[in-house]
Amino acid sequence: MIFTYGKTKLKIPEGYEYVYYATFIAGEWDFLKVKDTDAVLDAGAFIGDFTVKIA
């Protein structure tokens, strides 16, 4: 499955669609308001969906 977010295209591994849905469609992380001048440390070890969203 290919997922497009703005100008970014991501190839979603089979079985991980729910992760991208939660992050990009359902807005699971939208409560975090990251400004251009903020520094963010993503210490997760999964697939990088959060990092892609806030980049």
PDB file of N, CA and C in Angstrom:
ATOM      1  N   MET A   1       0.853  -1.176   0.000  1.00  0.00           N
ATOM      2  CA  MET A   1       0.000   0.000   0.000  1.00  0.00           C
ATOM      3  C   MET A   1       0.898   1.239   0.000  1.00  0.00           C
ATOM      4  N   ILE A   2       0.588   2.186  -0.844  1.00  0.00           N
ATOM      5  CA  ILE A   2       1.307   3.458  -0.888  1.00  0.00           C
ATOM      6  C   ILE A   2       0.419   4.519  -0.253  1.00  0.00           C
ATOM      7  N   PHE A   3       0.975   5.243   0.705  1.00  0.00           N
ATOM      8  CA  PHE A   3       0.248   6.285   1.419  1.00  0.00           C
ATOM      9  C   PHE A   3       0.911   7.613   1.102  1.00  0.00           C
ATOM     10  N   THR A   4       0.128   8.614   0.736  1.00  0.00           N
ATOM     11  CA  THR A   4       0.655   9.937   0.434  1.00  0.00           C
ATOM     12  C   THR A   4       0.243  10.911   1.523  1.00  0.00           C
ATOM     13  N   TYR A   5       1.225  11.636   2.059  1.00  0.00           N
ATOM     14  CA  TYR A   5       0.996  12.653   3.086  1.00  0.00           C
ATOM     15  C   TYR A   5       1.702  13.918   2.628  1.00  0.00           C
ATOM     16  N   GLY A   6       0.931  14.857   2.082  1.00  0.00           N
ATOM     17  CA  GLY A   6       1.547  16.044   1.493  1.00  0.00           C
ATOM     18  C   GLY A   6       2.370  15.624   0.282  1.00  0.00           C
ATOM     19  N   LYS A   7       3.653  15.983   0.279  1.00  0.00           N
ATOM     20  CA  LYS A   7       4.554  15.602  -0.807  1.00  0.00           C
ATOM     21  C   LYS A   7       5.278  14.289  -0.522  1.00  0.00           C
ATOM     22  N   THR A   8       5.008  13.705   0.619  1.00  0.00           N
ATOM     23  CA  THR A   8       5.690  12.480   1.031  1.00  0.00           C
ATOM     24  C   THR A   8       4.870  11.250   0.663  1.00  0.00           C
ATOM     25  N   LYS A   9       5.528  10.271   0.061  1.00  0.00           N
ATOM     26  CA  LYS A   9       4.880   8.996  -0.243  1.00  0.00           C
ATOM     27  C   LYS A   9       5.566   7.917   0.580  1.00  0.00           C
ATOM     28  N   LEU A  10       4.752   7.113   1.257  1.00  0.00           N
ATOM     29  CA  LEU A  10       5.274   6.061   2.114  1.00  0.00           C
ATOM     30  C   LEU A  10       4.752   4.708   1.664  1.00  0.00           C
ATOM     31  N   LYS A  11       5.624   3.729   1.636  1.00  0.00           N
ATOM     32  CA  LYS A  11       5.201   2.359   1.347  1.00  0.00           C
ATOM     33  C   LYS A  11       4.890   1.705   2.687  1.00  0.00           C
ATOM     34  N   ILE A  12       3.641   1.340   2.885  1.00  0.00           N
ATOM     35  CA  ILE A  12       3.178   0.778   4.150  1.00  0.00           C
ATOM     36  C   ILE A  12       3.281  -0.748   4.089  1.00  0.00           C
ATOM     37  N   PRO A  13       4.042  -1.332   5.034  1.00  0.00           N
ATOM     38  CA  PRO A  13       4.105  -2.801   5.067  1.00  0.00           C
ATOM     39  C   PRO A  13       2.736  -3.396   5.390  1.00  0.00           C
ATOM     40  N   GLU A  14       2.447  -4.533   4.811  1.00  0.00           N
ATOM     41  CA  GLU A  14       1.175  -5.206   5.070  1.00  0.00           C
ATOM     42  C   GLU A  14       1.031  -5.486   6.566  1.00  0.00           C
ATOM     43  N   GLY A  15      -0.123  -5.154   7.096  1.00  0.00           N
ATOM     44  CA  GLY A  15      -0.399  -5.371   8.512  1.00  0.00           C
ATOM     45  C   GLY A  15      -0.139  -4.158   9.387  1.00  0.00           C
ATOM     46  N   TYR A  16       0.473  -3.102   8.833  1.00  0.00           N
ATOM     47  CA  TYR A  16       0.779  -1.903   9.609  1.00  0.00           C
ATOM     48  C   TYR A  16      -0.086  -0.708   9.228  1.00  0.00           C
ATOM     49  N   GLU A  17      -1.114  -0.935   8.437  1.00  0.00           N
ATOM     50  CA  GLU A  17      -1.973   0.156   7.989  1.00  0.00           C
ATOM     51  C   GLU A  17      -2.593   0.901   9.163  1.00  0.00           C
ATOM     52  N   TYR A  18      -2.946   0.191  10.218  1.00  0.00           N
ATOM     53  CA  TYR A  18      -3.598   0.812  11.377  1.00  0.00           C
ATOM     54  C   TYR A  18      -2.702   1.843  12.050  1.00  0.00           C
ATOM     55  N   VAL A  19      -1.396   1.619  12.030  1.00  0.00           N
ATOM     56  CA  VAL A  19      -0.464   2.559  12.657  1.00  0.00           C
ATOM     57  C   VAL A  19      -0.494   3.888  11.911  1.00  0.00           C
ATOM     58  N   TYR A  20      -0.415   3.836  10.606  1.00  0.00           N
ATOM     59  CA  TYR A  20      -0.438   5.053   9.808  1.00  0.00           C
ATOM     60  C   TYR A  20      -1.801   5.723   9.859  1.00  0.00           C
ATOM     61  N   TYR A  21      -2.850   4.941   9.912  1.00  0.00           N
ATOM     62  CA  TYR A  21      -4.188   5.511  10.056  1.00  0.00           C
ATOM     63  C   TYR A  21      -4.273   6.310  11.351  1.00  0.00           C
ATOM     64  N   ALA A  22      -3.807   5.734  12.443  1.00  0.00           N
ATOM     65  CA  ALA A  22      -3.876   6.405  13.748  1.00  0.00           C
ATOM     66  C   ALA A  22      -3.090   7.705  13.748  1.00  0.00           C
ATOM     67  N   THR A  23      -1.926   7.708  13.136  1.00  0.00           N
ATOM     68  CA  THR A  23      -1.064   8.891  13.147  1.00  0.00           C
ATOM     69  C   THR A  23      -1.503   9.950  12.147  1.00  0.00           C
ATOM     70  N   PHE A  24      -1.784   9.572  10.922  1.00  0.00           N
ATOM     71  CA  PHE A  24      -2.032  10.545   9.861  1.00  0.00           C
ATOM     72  C   PHE A  24      -3.503  10.862   9.629  1.00  0.00           C
ATOM     73  N   ILE A  25      -4.399   9.918   9.813  1.00  0.00           N
ATOM     74  CA  ILE A  25      -5.813  10.136   9.522  1.00  0.00           C
ATOM     75  C   ILE A  25      -6.593  10.479  10.787  1.00  0.00           C
ATOM     76  N   ALA A  26      -6.466   9.656  11.802  1.00  0.00           N
ATOM     77  CA  ALA A  26      -7.232   9.853  13.039  1.00  0.00           C
ATOM     78  C   ALA A  26      -6.660  10.961  13.916  1.00  0.00           C
ATOM     79  N   GLY A  27      -5.419  11.381  13.649  1.00  0.00           N
ATOM     80  CA  GLY A  27      -4.840  12.493  14.401  1.00  0.00           C
ATOM     81  C   GLY A  27      -4.442  12.145  15.829  1.00  0.00           C
ATOM     82  N   GLU A  28      -3.955  10.943  16.038  1.00  0.00           N
ATOM     83  CA  GLU A  28      -3.582  10.480  17.375  1.00  0.00           C
ATOM     84  C   GLU A  28      -2.602  11.417  18.084  1.00  0.00           C
ATOM     85  N   TRP A  29      -1.726  12.064  17.336  1.00  0.00           N
ATOM     86  CA  TRP A  29      -0.710  12.936  17.930  1.00  0.00           C
ATOM     87  C   TRP A  29      -0.997  14.420  17.712  1.00  0.00           C
ATOM     88  N   ASP A  30      -2.164  14.771  17.233  1.00  0.00           N
ATOM     89  CA  ASP A  30      -2.463  16.168  16.914  1.00  0.00           C
ATOM     90  C   ASP A  30      -2.497  17.087  18.128  1.00  0.00           C
ATOM     91  N   PHE A  31      -2.592  16.532  19.315  1.00  0.00           N
ATOM     92  CA  PHE A  31      -2.597  17.374  20.514  1.00  0.00           C
ATOM     93  C   PHE A  31      -1.216  17.973  20.775  1.00  0.00           C
ATOM     94  N   LEU A  32      -0.167  17.411  20.178  1.00  0.00           N
ATOM     95  CA  LEU A  32       1.176  17.966  20.322  1.00  0.00           C
ATOM     96  C   LEU A  32       1.343  19.095  19.316  1.00  0.00           C
ATOM     97  N   LYS A  33       1.629  20.257  19.796  1.00  0.00           N
ATOM     98  CA  LYS A  33       1.801  21.419  18.930  1.00  0.00           C
ATOM     99  C   LYS A  33       3.293  21.709  18.788  1.00  0.00           C
ATOM    100  N   VAL A  34       3.891  21.226  17.717  1.00  0.00           N
ATOM    101  CA  VAL A  34       5.318  21.381  17.476  1.00  0.00           C
ATOM    102  C   VAL A  34       5.531  22.585  16.568  1.00  0.00           C
ATOM    103  N   LYS A  35       6.364  23.527  17.052  1.00  0.00           N
ATOM    104  CA  LYS A  35       6.677  24.721  16.265  1.00  0.00           C
ATOM    105  C   LYS A  35       7.963  24.495  15.466  1.00  0.00           C
ATOM    106  N   ASP A  36       8.183  25.319  14.462  1.00  0.00           N
ATOM    107  CA  ASP A  36       9.382  25.205  13.632  1.00  0.00           C
ATOM    108  C   ASP A  36      10.663  25.328  14.446  1.00  0.00           C
ATOM    109  N   THR A  37      10.628  26.059  15.547  1.00  0.00           N
ATOM    110  CA  THR A  37      11.827  26.281  16.360  1.00  0.00           C
ATOM    111  C   THR A  37      12.017  25.226  17.446  1.00  0.00           C
ATOM    112  N   ASP A  38      11.099  24.294  17.579  1.00  0.00           N
ATOM    113  CA  ASP A  38      11.199  23.241  18.594  1.00  0.00           C
ATOM    114  C   ASP A  38      12.168  22.143  18.152  1.00  0.00           C
ATOM    115  N   ALA A  39      12.770  21.505  19.131  1.00  0.00           N
ATOM    116  CA  ALA A  39      13.576  20.305  18.891  1.00  0.00           C
ATOM    117  C   ALA A  39      12.795  19.131  19.463  1.00  0.00           C
ATOM    118  N   VAL A  40      12.685  18.061  18.698  1.00  0.00           N
ATOM    119  CA  VAL A  40      11.909  16.899  19.126  1.00  0.00           C
ATOM    120  C   VAL A  40      12.809  15.671  19.115  1.00  0.00           C
ATOM    121  N   LEU A  41      12.785  14.928  20.204  1.00  0.00           N
ATOM    122  CA  LEU A  41      13.507  13.665  20.286  1.00  0.00           C
ATOM    123  C   LEU A  41      12.483  12.540  20.252  1.00  0.00           C
ATOM    124  N   ASP A  42      12.505  11.774  19.185  1.00  0.00           N
ATOM    125  CA  ASP A  42      11.596  10.633  19.053  1.00  0.00           C
ATOM    126  C   ASP A  42      12.375   9.393  19.478  1.00  0.00           C
ATOM    127  N   ALA A  43      12.132   8.936  20.680  1.00  0.00           N
ATOM    128  CA  ALA A  43      12.879   7.801  21.233  1.00  0.00           C
ATOM    129  C   ALA A  43      12.180   6.473  20.989  1.00  0.00           C
ATOM    130  N   GLY A  44      11.204   6.477  20.147  1.00  0.00           N
ATOM    131  CA  GLY A  44      10.497   5.241  19.837  1.00  0.00           C
ATOM    132  C   GLY A  44      11.358   4.314  18.996  1.00  0.00           C
ATOM    133  N   ALA A  45      10.939   3.101  18.901  1.00  0.00           N
ATOM    134  CA  ALA A  45      11.702   2.119  18.121  1.00  0.00           C
ATOM    135  C   ALA A  45      10.762   1.295  17.254  1.00  0.00           C
ATOM    136  N   PHE A  46       9.830   1.980  16.608  1.00  0.00           N
ATOM    137  CA  PHE A  46       8.873   1.238  15.797  1.00  0.00           C
ATOM    138  C   PHE A  46       9.151   1.503  14.330  1.00  0.00           C
ATOM    139  N   ILE A  47       8.312   2.258  13.648  1.00  0.00           N
ATOM    140  CA  ILE A  47       8.466   2.408  12.204  1.00  0.00           C
ATOM    141  C   ILE A  47       8.637   3.847  11.740  1.00  0.00           C
ATOM    142  N   GLY A  48       8.688   4.802  12.651  1.00  0.00           N
ATOM    143  CA  GLY A  48       8.986   6.177  12.292  1.00  0.00           C
ATOM    144  C   GLY A  48       7.831   7.010  11.799  1.00  0.00           C
ATOM    145  N   ASP A  49       6.605   6.581  11.989  1.00  0.00           N
ATOM    146  CA  ASP A  49       5.464   7.348  11.493  1.00  0.00           C
ATOM    147  C   ASP A  49       5.357   8.704  12.179  1.00  0.00           C
ATOM    148  N   PHE A  50       5.615   8.768  13.468  1.00  0.00           N
ATOM    149  CA  PHE A  50       5.558  10.036  14.195  1.00  0.00           C
ATOM    150  C   PHE A  50       6.636  10.990  13.683  1.00  0.00           C
ATOM    151  N   THR A  51       7.836  10.481  13.467  1.00  0.00           N
ATOM    152  CA  THR A  51       8.935  11.305  12.971  1.00  0.00           C
ATOM    153  C   THR A  51       8.599  11.892  11.610  1.00  0.00           C
ATOM    154  N   VAL A  52       8.026  11.101  10.734  1.00  0.00           N
ATOM    155  CA  VAL A  52       7.642  11.584   9.403  1.00  0.00           C
ATOM    156  C   VAL A  52       6.591  12.675   9.528  1.00  0.00           C
ATOM    157  N   LYS A  53       5.634  12.496  10.413  1.00  0.00           N
ATOM    158  CA  LYS A  53       4.551  13.474  10.548  1.00  0.00           C
ATOM    159  C   LYS A  53       5.065  14.827  11.033  1.00  0.00           C
ATOM    160  N   ILE A  54       5.975  14.839  12.004  1.00  0.00           N
ATOM    161  CA  ILE A  54       6.402  16.124  12.563  1.00  0.00           C
ATOM    162  C   ILE A  54       7.588  16.734  11.834  1.00  0.00           C
ATOM    163  N   ALA A  55       8.172  16.004  10.891  1.00  0.00           N
ATOM    164  CA  ALA A  55       9.348  16.520  10.171  1.00  0.00           C
ATOM    165  C   ALA A  55       8.982  17.707   9.298  1.00  0.00           C
TER     166      ALA A  55
END
